[in-house]
């Protein structure tokens, strides 16, 4: 029996099984990859009813491509690098280049280069995977604090 769920190959629409309406069905990992979210996030959406699925006779979830469209539209971001932060209350935003991403257990270290300066942030490993952060990408450090310290250099 040949396995169709080779993780190194994502099947194209023509080879995917279709729902009753002819809508191609995706496996949860395929749908997560298309949406740019983690598998765990996608599973939570399924369990919370945010994402409509079809169950196979074996109880496995398959996601119709049409169910992804509203989520894809809601995740589209403007090309204006500042526009994506308009809904964020923090105004201290420094855009730079990721120079290091190191995952260790549940946490990850992300280092941004902003000019000659470096900013290091410790975030969850899940966040790094979900945002698909990689060395060389452009990212922004958002800072919000009630205090600002000044040190004479």
Protein backbone atom coordinates (compact mmCIF):
# COMPACT_ATOMS: atom_id res chain seq x y z
CA UNK A 1 0.00 0.00 0.00
CA UNK A 2 1.50 3.32 -1.06
CA UNK A 3 1.42 6.24 1.45
CA UNK A 4 0.15 9.53 0.05
CA UNK A 5 1.22 11.70 3.00
CA UNK A 6 4.90 12.19 2.20
CA UNK A 7 5.84 15.28 4.29
CA UNK A 8 8.45 16.40 1.76
CA UNK A 9 5.90 16.65 -1.04
CA UNK A 10 2.75 18.73 -0.88
CA UNK A 11 0.27 17.41 -3.39
CA UNK A 12 -1.12 19.78 -5.99
CA UNK A 13 -4.85 20.46 -6.29
CA UNK A 14 -5.31 18.00 -9.14
CA UNK A 15 -4.13 15.03 -7.05
CA UNK A 16 -6.04 15.92 -3.86
CA UNK A 17 -9.29 14.12 -3.06
CA UNK A 18 -12.36 16.31 -3.51
CA UNK A 19 -15.35 16.96 -1.28
CA UNK A 20 -18.89 16.35 -2.54
CA UNK A 21 -18.94 19.80 -4.15
CA UNK A 22 -15.70 19.08 -6.05
CA UNK A 23 -13.69 21.25 -3.64
CA UNK A 24 -10.15 19.80 -3.18
CA UNK A 25 -9.45 18.58 0.38
CA UNK A 26 -6.21 19.27 2.23
CA UNK A 27 -4.59 17.46 5.10
CA UNK A 28 -4.19 19.61 8.23
CA UNK A 29 -0.42 20.01 7.70
CA UNK A 30 -0.97 21.12 4.09
CA UNK A 31 -3.61 23.64 5.19
CA UNK A 32 -1.33 24.95 7.96
CA UNK A 33 1.47 25.46 5.43
CA UNK A 34 -0.84 27.35 3.04
CA UNK A 35 -2.07 29.61 5.85
CA UNK A 36 1.43 30.13 7.26
CA UNK A 37 0.48 28.91 10.75
CA UNK A 38 1.68 26.01 12.86
CA UNK A 39 0.01 22.61 12.78
CA UNK A 40 -0.92 23.08 16.46
CA UNK A 41 -2.67 26.39 15.70
CA UNK A 42 -4.61 24.83 12.85
CA UNK A 43 -5.70 21.91 15.06
CA UNK A 44 -6.95 24.37 17.70
CA UNK A 45 -8.96 26.18 15.01
CA UNK A 46 -10.51 22.86 13.99
CA UNK A 47 -11.33 21.86 17.58
CA UNK A 48 -12.75 25.34 18.37
CA UNK A 49 -14.93 25.31 15.26
CA UNK A 50 -13.13 28.23 13.57
CA UNK A 51 -12.24 26.05 10.60
CA UNK A 52 -14.76 23.81 8.81
CA UNK A 53 -13.55 20.27 8.07
CA UNK A 54 -14.73 17.02 6.56
CA UNK A 55 -13.94 13.82 8.46
CA UNK A 56 -12.76 10.68 6.72
CA UNK A 57 -14.27 7.31 7.66
CA UNK A 58 -11.20 6.85 9.89
CA UNK A 59 -11.94 10.11 11.74
CA UNK A 60 -9.17 12.19 10.15
CA UNK A 61 -9.84 15.84 9.35
CA UNK A 62 -9.64 17.13 5.79
CA UNK A 63 -10.05 20.83 5.05
CA UNK A 64 -11.84 22.00 1.89
CA UNK A 65 -9.78 24.63 0.06
CA UNK A 66 -12.81 26.94 0.11
CA UNK A 67 -12.71 26.95 3.94
CA UNK A 68 -9.21 28.50 3.79
CA UNK A 69 -10.19 31.50 1.64
CA UNK A 70 -11.67 33.66 4.45
CA UNK A 71 -8.62 32.97 6.62
CA UNK A 72 -6.22 33.77 3.78
CA UNK A 73 -8.00 37.07 3.11
CA UNK A 74 -7.93 38.04 6.78
CA UNK A 75 -4.17 37.34 6.96
CA UNK A 76 -3.20 39.50 3.96
CA UNK A 77 -0.94 42.36 5.00
CA UNK A 78 -0.21 45.60 3.20
CA UNK A 79 3.23 46.00 1.61
CA UNK A 80 3.74 49.24 3.58
CA UNK A 81 6.08 48.10 6.36
CA UNK A 82 4.46 50.51 8.86
CA UNK A 83 0.86 49.77 7.84
CA UNK A 84 0.86 46.31 9.43
CA UNK A 85 1.54 47.89 12.85
CA UNK A 86 -1.28 50.45 12.79
CA UNK A 87 -3.45 48.22 15.01
CA UNK A 88 -0.64 47.86 17.58
CA UNK A 89 -0.61 50.37 20.43
CA UNK A 90 3.18 50.28 20.84
CA UNK A 91 4.76 53.07 18.81
CA UNK A 92 8.40 52.24 19.51
CA UNK A 93 9.05 50.10 16.46
CA UNK A 94 12.50 49.44 15.06
CA UNK A 95 12.76 47.64 11.73
CA UNK A 96 15.87 45.58 11.10
CA UNK A 97 17.27 42.35 9.74
CA UNK A 98 17.25 39.04 11.60
CA UNK A 99 20.87 38.00 12.13
CA UNK A 100 20.31 35.03 14.46
CA UNK A 101 17.50 32.63 15.37
CA UNK A 102 18.31 29.98 17.96
CA UNK A 103 15.64 27.63 19.32
CA UNK A 104 16.28 25.88 22.62
CA UNK A 105 13.43 23.89 24.11
CA UNK A 106 10.32 26.06 24.59
CA UNK A 107 12.15 29.36 24.01
CA UNK A 108 13.94 30.99 21.10
CA UNK A 109 16.49 33.79 20.84
CA UNK A 110 15.97 36.21 17.96
CA UNK A 111 18.59 38.88 17.25
CA UNK A 112 17.78 41.87 15.01
CA UNK A 113 20.42 44.11 13.48
CA UNK A 114 19.28 47.73 13.30
CA UNK A 115 22.11 49.73 11.81
CA UNK A 116 25.19 48.95 13.92
CA UNK A 117 23.07 47.99 16.94
CA UNK A 118 21.64 44.60 17.92
CA UNK A 119 18.38 43.90 19.73
CA UNK A 120 17.87 40.47 21.29
CA UNK A 121 14.43 39.13 22.06
CA UNK A 122 13.51 35.91 23.85
CA UNK A 123 10.19 34.59 22.55
CA UNK A 124 8.53 31.19 22.43
CA UNK A 125 9.81 28.58 20.00
CA UNK A 126 6.22 28.18 18.79
CA UNK A 127 6.10 31.87 17.84
CA UNK A 128 9.32 31.52 15.81
CA UNK A 129 7.92 28.51 13.98
CA UNK A 130 4.50 30.09 13.42
CA UNK A 131 6.02 33.29 12.02
CA UNK A 132 8.59 31.22 10.11
CA UNK A 133 11.41 33.52 11.24
CA UNK A 134 14.69 32.99 9.40
CA UNK A 135 18.09 34.67 9.29
CA UNK A 136 18.15 37.45 6.67
CA UNK A 137 14.45 38.34 6.90
CA UNK A 138 13.22 41.82 7.74
CA UNK A 139 11.42 42.08 11.08
CA UNK A 140 10.44 44.75 13.58
CA UNK A 141 11.12 44.98 17.28
CA UNK A 142 8.10 46.44 19.08
CA UNK A 143 8.78 47.91 22.50
CA UNK A 144 6.35 49.18 25.06
CA UNK A 145 7.33 50.23 28.53
CA UNK A 146 6.29 52.64 31.23
CA UNK A 147 9.92 53.54 31.88
CA UNK A 148 12.85 54.47 29.71
CA UNK A 149 16.35 54.39 31.15
CA UNK A 150 19.18 56.48 29.78
CA UNK A 151 22.82 55.53 30.21
CA UNK A 152 25.62 57.93 29.33
CA UNK A 153 28.03 56.26 26.92
